[in-house]
Amino acid sequence: VQAGGSLRLSCAASGRTSSSYTMGWFRQAPGK
């Protein structure tokens, strides 16, 4: 994506999910 643009990430959970759960996003850059 170009700087100043936009995009949307999605994450779908499947399998034996619980009735209530917290979700989050993390990131890791090279060497970090």
PDB file of all heavy atoms in Angstrom:
ATOM      1  N   VAL A   1       0.843  -1.185   0.000  1.00  0.00           N
ATOM      2  CA  VAL A   1       0.000   0.000   0.000  1.00  0.00           C
ATOM      3  C   VAL A   1       0.881   1.238   0.000  1.00  0.00           C
ATOM      4  O   VAL A   1       1.970   1.243   0.585  1.00  0.00           O
ATOM      5  CB  VAL A   1      -0.954   0.011   1.215  1.00  0.00           C
ATOM      6  CG1 VAL A   1      -0.165   0.070   2.521  1.00  0.00           C
ATOM      7  CG2 VAL A   1      -1.930   1.176   1.131  1.00  0.00           C
ATOM      8  N   GLN A   2       0.432   2.279  -0.675  1.00  0.00           N
ATOM      9  CA  GLN A   2       1.177   3.528  -0.721  1.00  0.00           C
ATOM     10  C   GLN A   2       0.937   4.340   0.542  1.00  0.00           C
ATOM     11  O   GLN A   2      -0.159   4.339   1.105  1.00  0.00           O
ATOM     12  CB  GLN A   2       0.758   4.335  -1.951  1.00  0.00           C
ATOM     13  CG  GLN A   2       1.558   5.605  -2.163  1.00  0.00           C
ATOM     14  CD  GLN A   2       1.197   6.290  -3.468  1.00  0.00           C
ATOM     15  OE1 GLN A   2       0.936   5.632  -4.477  1.00  0.00           O
ATOM     16  NE2 GLN A   2       1.190   7.613  -3.452  1.00  0.00           N
ATOM     17  N   ALA A   3       1.966   5.018   1.019  1.00  0.00           N
ATOM     18  CA  ALA A   3       1.821   5.885   2.183  1.00  0.00           C
ATOM     19  C   ALA A   3       0.690   6.874   1.953  1.00  0.00           C
ATOM     20  O   ALA A   3       0.581   7.478   0.886  1.00  0.00           O
ATOM     21  CB  ALA A   3       3.124   6.618   2.459  1.00  0.00           C
ATOM     22  N   GLY A   4      -0.167   7.018   2.956  1.00  0.00           N
ATOM     23  CA  GLY A   4      -1.300   7.912   2.833  1.00  0.00           C
ATOM     24  C   GLY A   4      -2.545   7.248   2.296  1.00  0.00           C
ATOM     25  O   GLY A   4      -3.622   7.857   2.281  1.00  0.00           O
ATOM     26  N   GLY A   5      -2.419   6.004   1.858  1.00  0.00           N
ATOM     27  CA  GLY A   5      -3.562   5.251   1.362  1.00  0.00           C
ATOM     28  C   GLY A   5      -4.291   4.573   2.502  1.00  0.00           C
ATOM     29  O   GLY A   5      -4.312   5.057   3.630  1.00  0.00           O
ATOM     30  N   SER A   6      -4.899   3.438   2.208  1.00  0.00           N
ATOM     31  CA  SER A   6      -5.606   2.694   3.241  1.00  0.00           C
ATOM     32  C   SER A   6      -5.748   1.239   2.843  1.00  0.00           C
ATOM     33  O   SER A   6      -5.676   0.892   1.661  1.00  0.00           O
ATOM     34  CB  SER A   6      -6.990   3.297   3.509  1.00  0.00           C
ATOM     35  OG  SER A   6      -7.835   3.145   2.387  1.00  0.00           O
ATOM     36  N   LEU A   7      -5.952   0.393   3.823  1.00  0.00           N
ATOM     37  CA  LEU A   7      -6.237  -1.012   3.596  1.00  0.00           C
ATOM     38  C   LEU A   7      -6.874  -1.576   4.857  1.00  0.00           C
ATOM     39  O   LEU A   7      -6.779  -0.986   5.935  1.00  0.00           O
ATOM     40  CB  LEU A   7      -4.999  -1.811   3.206  1.00  0.00           C
ATOM     41  CG  LEU A   7      -3.957  -2.170   4.288  1.00  0.00           C
ATOM     42  CD1 LEU A   7      -3.034  -3.259   3.751  1.00  0.00           C
ATOM     43  CD2 LEU A   7      -3.155  -0.949   4.689  1.00  0.00           C
ATOM     44  N   ARG A   8      -7.537  -2.716   4.719  1.00  0.00           N
ATOM     45  CA  ARG A   8      -8.194  -3.350   5.847  1.00  0.00           C
ATOM     46  C   ARG A   8      -7.759  -4.798   5.972  1.00  0.00           C
ATOM     47  O   ARG A   8      -7.864  -5.572   5.018  1.00  0.00           O
ATOM     48  CB  ARG A   8      -9.721  -3.291   5.708  1.00  0.00           C
ATOM     49  CG  ARG A   8     -10.465  -3.791   6.948  1.00  0.00           C
ATOM     50  CD  ARG A   8     -11.980  -3.717   6.799  1.00  0.00           C
ATOM     51  NE  ARG A   8     -12.488  -4.725   5.874  1.00  0.00           N
ATOM     52  CZ  ARG A   8     -13.772  -5.038   5.740  1.00  0.00           C
ATOM     53  NH1 ARG A   8     -14.687  -4.408   6.465  1.00  0.00           N
ATOM     54  NH2 ARG A   8     -14.143  -5.954   4.866  1.00  0.00           N
ATOM     55  N   LEU A   9      -7.272  -5.149   7.151  1.00  0.00           N
ATOM     56  CA  LEU A   9      -6.906  -6.521   7.458  1.00  0.00           C
ATOM     57  C   LEU A   9      -8.095  -7.223   8.102  1.00  0.00           C
ATOM     58  O   LEU A   9      -8.847  -6.618   8.862  1.00  0.00           O
ATOM     59  CB  LEU A   9      -5.714  -6.579   8.405  1.00  0.00           C
ATOM     60  CG  LEU A   9      -4.442  -5.834   7.988  1.00  0.00           C
ATOM     61  CD1 LEU A   9      -3.339  -6.080   9.006  1.00  0.00           C
ATOM     62  CD2 LEU A   9      -4.000  -6.251   6.596  1.00  0.00           C
ATOM     63  N   SER A  10      -8.259  -8.501   7.800  1.00  0.00           N
ATOM     64  CA  SER A  10      -9.317  -9.303   8.391  1.00  0.00           C
ATOM     65  C   SER A  10      -8.718 -10.542   9.031  1.00  0.00           C
ATOM     66  O   SER A  10      -7.693 -11.045   8.583  1.00  0.00           O
ATOM     67  CB  SER A  10     -10.344  -9.730   7.335  1.00  0.00           C
ATOM     68  OG  SER A  10     -10.959  -8.617   6.728  1.00  0.00           O
ATOM     69  N   CYS A  11      -9.365 -11.032  10.070  1.00  0.00           N
ATOM     70  CA  CYS A  11      -8.938 -12.259  10.727  1.00  0.00           C
ATOM     71  C   CYS A  11     -10.176 -13.041  11.128  1.00  0.00           C
ATOM     72  O   CYS A  11     -10.954 -12.586  11.967  1.00  0.00           O
ATOM     73  CB  CYS A  11      -8.078 -11.950  11.958  1.00  0.00           C
ATOM     74  SG  CYS A  11      -7.596 -13.415  12.900  1.00  0.00           S
ATOM     75  N   ALA A  12     -10.348 -14.210  10.539  1.00  0.00           N
ATOM     76  CA  ALA A  12     -11.509 -15.047  10.812  1.00  0.00           C
ATOM     77  C   ALA A  12     -11.135 -16.213  11.715  1.00  0.00           C
ATOM     78  O   ALA A  12     -10.155 -16.918  11.457  1.00  0.00           O
ATOM     79  CB  ALA A  12     -12.099 -15.570   9.508  1.00  0.00           C
ATOM     80  N   ALA A  13     -11.903 -16.400  12.764  1.00  0.00           N
ATOM     81  CA  ALA A  13     -11.700 -17.511  13.689  1.00  0.00           C
ATOM     82  C   ALA A  13     -12.654 -18.644  13.341  1.00  0.00           C
ATOM     83  O   ALA A  13     -13.820 -18.418  13.024  1.00  0.00           O
ATOM     84  CB  ALA A  13     -11.928 -17.060  15.127  1.00  0.00           C
ATOM     85  N   SER A  14     -12.145 -19.869  13.408  1.00  0.00           N
ATOM     86  CA  SER A  14     -12.976 -21.035  13.134  1.00  0.00           C
ATOM     87  C   SER A  14     -12.595 -22.169  14.075  1.00  0.00           C
ATOM     88  O   SER A  14     -11.585 -22.106  14.763  1.00  0.00           O
ATOM     89  CB  SER A  14     -12.834 -21.477  11.674  1.00  0.00           C
ATOM     90  OG  SER A  14     -11.504 -21.866  11.390  1.00  0.00           O
ATOM     91  N   GLY A  15     -13.409 -23.199  14.081  1.00  0.00           N
ATOM     92  CA  GLY A  15     -13.174 -24.318  14.972  1.00  0.00           C
ATOM     93  C   GLY A  15     -13.986 -24.168  16.245  1.00  0.00           C
ATOM     94  O   GLY A  15     -15.077 -23.613  16.225  1.00  0.00           O
ATOM     95  N   ARG A  16     -13.432 -24.651  17.344  1.00  0.00           N
ATOM     96  CA  ARG A  16     -14.138 -24.623  18.614  1.00  0.00           C
ATOM     97  C   ARG A  16     -13.891 -23.306  19.344  1.00  0.00           C
ATOM     98  O   ARG A  16     -13.113 -23.241  20.307  1.00  0.00           O
ATOM     99  CB  ARG A  16     -13.725 -25.812  19.481  1.00  0.00           C
ATOM    100  CG  ARG A  16     -14.663 -26.081  20.645  1.00  0.00           C
ATOM    101  CD  ARG A  16     -14.245 -27.317  21.428  1.00  0.00           C
ATOM    102  NE  ARG A  16     -15.175 -27.623  22.501  1.00  0.00           N
ATOM    103  CZ  ARG A  16     -15.171 -27.031  23.693  1.00  0.00           C
ATOM    104  NH1 ARG A  16     -14.282 -26.094  23.961  1.00  0.00           N
ATOM    105  NH2 ARG A  16     -16.066 -27.372  24.613  1.00  0.00           N
ATOM    106  N   THR A  17     -14.561 -22.260  18.884  1.00  0.00           N
ATOM    107  CA  THR A  17     -14.432 -20.949  19.510  1.00  0.00           C
ATOM    108  C   THR A  17     -15.279 -20.884  20.775  1.00  0.00           C
ATOM    109  O   THR A  17     -16.266 -21.603  20.921  1.00  0.00           O
ATOM    110  CB  THR A  17     -14.857 -19.830  18.557  1.00  0.00           C
ATOM    111  OG1 THR A  17     -16.204 -20.051  18.131  1.00  0.00           O
ATOM    112  CG2 THR A  17     -13.960 -19.796  17.333  1.00  0.00           C
ATOM    113  N   SER A  18     -14.896 -20.021  21.696  1.00  0.00           N
ATOM    114  CA  SER A  18     -15.652 -19.834  22.918  1.00  0.00           C
ATOM    115  C   SER A  18     -16.802 -18.866  22.674  1.00  0.00           C
ATOM    116  O   SER A  18     -16.886 -18.229  21.626  1.00  0.00           O
ATOM    117  CB  SER A  18     -14.749 -19.320  24.037  1.00  0.00           C
ATOM    118  OG  SER A  18     -14.225 -18.049  23.715  1.00  0.00           O
ATOM    119  N   SER A  19     -17.682 -18.738  23.654  1.00  0.00           N
ATOM    120  CA  SER A  19     -18.833 -17.861  23.499  1.00  0.00           C
ATOM    121  C   SER A  19     -18.469 -16.392  23.637  1.00  0.00           C
ATOM    122  O   SER A  19     -19.215 -15.521  23.191  1.00  0.00           O
ATOM    123  CB  SER A  19     -19.910 -18.223  24.525  1.00  0.00           C
ATOM    124  OG  SER A  19     -19.410 -18.086  25.847  1.00  0.00           O
ATOM    125  N   SER A  20     -17.332 -16.126  24.260  1.00  0.00           N
ATOM    126  CA  SER A  20     -16.883 -14.753  24.461  1.00  0.00           C
ATOM    127  C   SER A  20     -15.360 -14.728  24.484  1.00  0.00           C
ATOM    128  O   SER A  20     -14.748 -15.489  25.242  1.00  0.00           O
ATOM    129  CB  SER A  20     -17.449 -14.187  25.766  1.00  0.00           C
ATOM    130  OG  SER A  20     -17.012 -12.861  25.983  1.00  0.00           O
ATOM    131  N   TYR A  21     -14.758 -13.878  23.667  1.00  0.00           N
ATOM    132  CA  TYR A  21     -13.303 -13.828  23.620  1.00  0.00           C
ATOM    133  C   TYR A  21     -12.792 -12.477  23.133  1.00  0.00           C
ATOM    134  O   TYR A  21     -13.411 -11.826  22.300  1.00  0.00           O
ATOM    135  CB  TYR A  21     -12.744 -14.946  22.732  1.00  0.00           C
ATOM    136  CG  TYR A  21     -13.300 -14.967  21.324  1.00  0.00           C
ATOM    137  CD1 TYR A  21     -12.619 -14.363  20.277  1.00  0.00           C
ATOM    138  CD2 TYR A  21     -14.500 -15.621  21.036  1.00  0.00           C
ATOM    139  CE1 TYR A  21     -13.125 -14.394  18.981  1.00  0.00           C
ATOM    140  CE2 TYR A  21     -15.013 -15.656  19.755  1.00  0.00           C
ATOM    141  CZ  TYR A  21     -14.317 -15.040  18.728  1.00  0.00           C
ATOM    142  OH  TYR A  21     -14.817 -15.073  17.442  1.00  0.00           O
ATOM    143  N   THR A  22     -11.652 -12.092  23.671  1.00  0.00           N
ATOM    144  CA  THR A  22     -10.967 -10.870  23.271  1.00  0.00           C
ATOM    145  C   THR A  22     -10.060 -11.169  22.082  1.00  0.00           C
ATOM    146  O   THR A  22      -9.457 -12.235  22.003  1.00  0.00           O
ATOM    147  CB  THR A  22     -10.137 -10.315  24.442  1.00  0.00           C
ATOM    148  OG1 THR A  22     -11.018  -9.924  25.501  1.00  0.00           O
ATOM    149  CG2 THR A  22      -9.311  -9.110  24.006  1.00  0.00           C
ATOM    150  N   MET A  23      -9.948 -10.219  21.163  1.00  0.00           N
ATOM    151  CA  MET A  23      -9.048 -10.386  20.025  1.00  0.00           C
ATOM    152  C   MET A  23      -8.139  -9.172  19.895  1.00  0.00           C
ATOM    153  O   MET A  23      -8.484  -8.076  20.343  1.00  0.00           O
ATOM    154  CB  MET A  23      -9.822 -10.608  18.725  1.00  0.00           C
ATOM    155  CG  MET A  23     -10.664 -11.877  18.739  1.00  0.00           C
ATOM    156  SD  MET A  23     -11.291 -12.354  17.100  1.00  0.00           S
ATOM    157  CE  MET A  23      -9.775 -12.972  16.327  1.00  0.00           C
ATOM    158  N   GLY A  24      -6.989  -9.380  19.292  1.00  0.00           N
ATOM    159  CA  GLY A  24      -6.036  -8.295  19.150  1.00  0.00           C
ATOM    160  C   GLY A  24      -5.174  -8.430  17.913  1.00  0.00           C
ATOM    161  O   GLY A  24      -5.196  -9.457  17.227  1.00  0.00           O
ATOM    162  N   TRP A  25      -4.435  -7.366  17.629  1.00  0.00           N
ATOM    163  CA  TRP A  25      -3.484  -7.338  16.525  1.00  0.00           C
ATOM    164  C   TRP A  25      -2.107  -6.966  17.052  1.00  0.00           C
ATOM    165  O   TRP A  25      -1.973  -6.058  17.891  1.00  0.00           O
ATOM    166  CB  TRP A  25      -3.893  -6.325  15.452  1.00  0.00           C
ATOM    167  CG  TRP A  25      -5.082  -6.722  14.637  1.00  0.00           C
ATOM    168  CD1 TRP A  25      -6.380  -6.380  14.845  1.00  0.00           C
ATOM    169  CD2 TRP A  25      -5.070  -7.543  13.464  1.00  0.00           C
ATOM    170  NE1 TRP A  25      -7.188  -6.930  13.877  1.00  0.00           N
ATOM    171  CE2 TRP A  25      -6.412  -7.646  13.016  1.00  0.00           C
ATOM    172  CE3 TRP A  25      -4.064  -8.189  12.745  1.00  0.00           C
ATOM    173  CZ2 TRP A  25      -6.765  -8.387  11.878  1.00  0.00           C
ATOM    174  CZ3 TRP A  25      -4.418  -8.927  11.619  1.00  0.00           C
ATOM    175  CH2 TRP A  25      -5.754  -9.017  11.198  1.00  0.00           C
ATOM    176  N   PHE A  26      -1.087  -7.666  16.564  1.00  0.00           N
ATOM    177  CA  PHE A  26       0.305  -7.377  16.863  1.00  0.00           C
ATOM    178  C   PHE A  26       1.065  -7.275  15.547  1.00  0.00           C
ATOM    179  O   PHE A  26       0.585  -7.698  14.506  1.00  0.00           O
ATOM    180  CB  PHE A  26       0.917  -8.475  17.744  1.00  0.00           C
ATOM    181  CG  PHE A  26       0.379  -8.509  19.150  1.00  0.00           C
ATOM    182  CD1 PHE A  26      -0.868  -9.050  19.419  1.00  0.00           C
ATOM    183  CD2 PHE A  26       1.126  -8.002  20.200  1.00  0.00           C
ATOM    184  CE1 PHE A  26      -1.373  -9.081  20.706  1.00  0.00           C
ATOM    185  CE2 PHE A  26       0.633  -8.031  21.501  1.00  0.00           C
ATOM    186  CZ  PHE A  26      -0.614  -8.569  21.750  1.00  0.00           C
ATOM    187  N   ARG A  27       2.272  -6.727  15.596  1.00  0.00           N
ATOM    188  CA  ARG A  27       3.089  -6.648  14.387  1.00  0.00           C
ATOM    189  C   ARG A  27       4.557  -6.804  14.738  1.00  0.00           C
ATOM    190  O   ARG A  27       4.981  -6.530  15.855  1.00  0.00           O
ATOM    191  CB  ARG A  27       2.852  -5.329  13.644  1.00  0.00           C
ATOM    192  CG  ARG A  27       3.344  -4.092  14.388  1.00  0.00           C
ATOM    193  CD  ARG A  27       2.937  -2.831  13.648  1.00  0.00           C
ATOM    194  NE  ARG A  27       3.450  -1.631  14.287  1.00  0.00           N
ATOM    195  CZ  ARG A  27       3.152  -0.395  13.911  1.00  0.00           C
ATOM    196  NH1 ARG A  27       2.330  -0.193  12.880  1.00  0.00           N
ATOM    197  NH2 ARG A  27       3.670   0.648  14.554  1.00  0.00           N
ATOM    198  N   GLN A  28       5.333  -7.244  13.757  1.00  0.00           N
ATOM    199  CA  GLN A  28       6.756  -7.423  13.948  1.00  0.00           C
ATOM    200  C   GLN A  28       7.495  -7.033  12.676  1.00  0.00           C
ATOM    201  O   GLN A  28       7.273  -7.615  11.618  1.00  0.00           O
ATOM    202  CB  GLN A  28       7.094  -8.863  14.327  1.00  0.00           C
ATOM    203  CG  GLN A  28       8.554  -9.072  14.703  1.00  0.00           C
ATOM    204  CD  GLN A  28       8.798 -10.413  15.368  1.00  0.00           C
ATOM    205  OE1 GLN A  28       8.009 -11.349  15.212  1.00  0.00           O
ATOM    206  NE2 GLN A  28       9.875 -10.514  16.122  1.00  0.00           N
ATOM    207  N   ALA A  29       8.360  -6.039  12.790  1.00  0.00           N
ATOM    208  CA  ALA A  29       9.184  -5.592  11.682  1.00  0.00           C
ATOM    209  C   ALA A  29      10.525  -6.319  11.727  1.00  0.00           C
ATOM    210  O   ALA A  29      10.947  -6.792  12.792  1.00  0.00           O
ATOM    211  CB  ALA A  29       9.393  -4.081  11.752  1.00  0.00           C
ATOM    212  N   PRO A  30      11.227  -6.425  10.595  1.00  0.00           N
ATOM    213  CA  PRO A  30      12.530  -7.106  10.576  1.00  0.00           C
ATOM    214  C   PRO A  30      13.495  -6.514  11.596  1.00  0.00           C
ATOM    215  O   PRO A  30      13.676  -5.300  11.660  1.00  0.00           O
ATOM    216  CB  PRO A  30      13.017  -6.875   9.149  1.00  0.00           C
ATOM    217  CG  PRO A  30      11.770  -6.719   8.348  1.00  0.00           C
ATOM    218  CD  PRO A  30      10.833  -5.964   9.252  1.00  0.00           C
ATOM    219  N   GLY A  31      14.093  -7.375  12.408  1.00  0.00           N
ATOM    220  CA  GLY A  31      15.047  -6.936  13.406  1.00  0.00           C
ATOM    221  C   GLY A  31      14.434  -6.289  14.631  1.00  0.00           C
ATOM    222  O   GLY A  31      15.166  -5.810  15.500  1.00  0.00           O
ATOM    223  N   LYS A  32      13.109  -6.267  14.712  1.00  0.00           N
ATOM    224  CA  LYS A  32      12.421  -5.650  15.838  1.00  0.00           C
ATOM    225  C   LYS A  32      11.626  -6.683  16.625  1.00  0.00           C
ATOM    226  O   LYS A  32      11.317  -7.765  16.124  1.00  0.00           O
ATOM    227  CB  LYS A  32      11.475  -4.544  15.357  1.00  0.00           C
ATOM    228  CG  LYS A  32      12.141  -3.457  14.536  1.00  0.00           C
ATOM    229  CD  LYS A  32      13.098  -2.631  15.370  1.00  0.00           C
ATOM    230  CE  LYS A  32      13.678  -1.485  14.560  1.00  0.00           C
ATOM    231  NZ  LYS A  32      14.609  -0.657  15.365  1.00  0.00           N
TER     232      LYS A  32
END
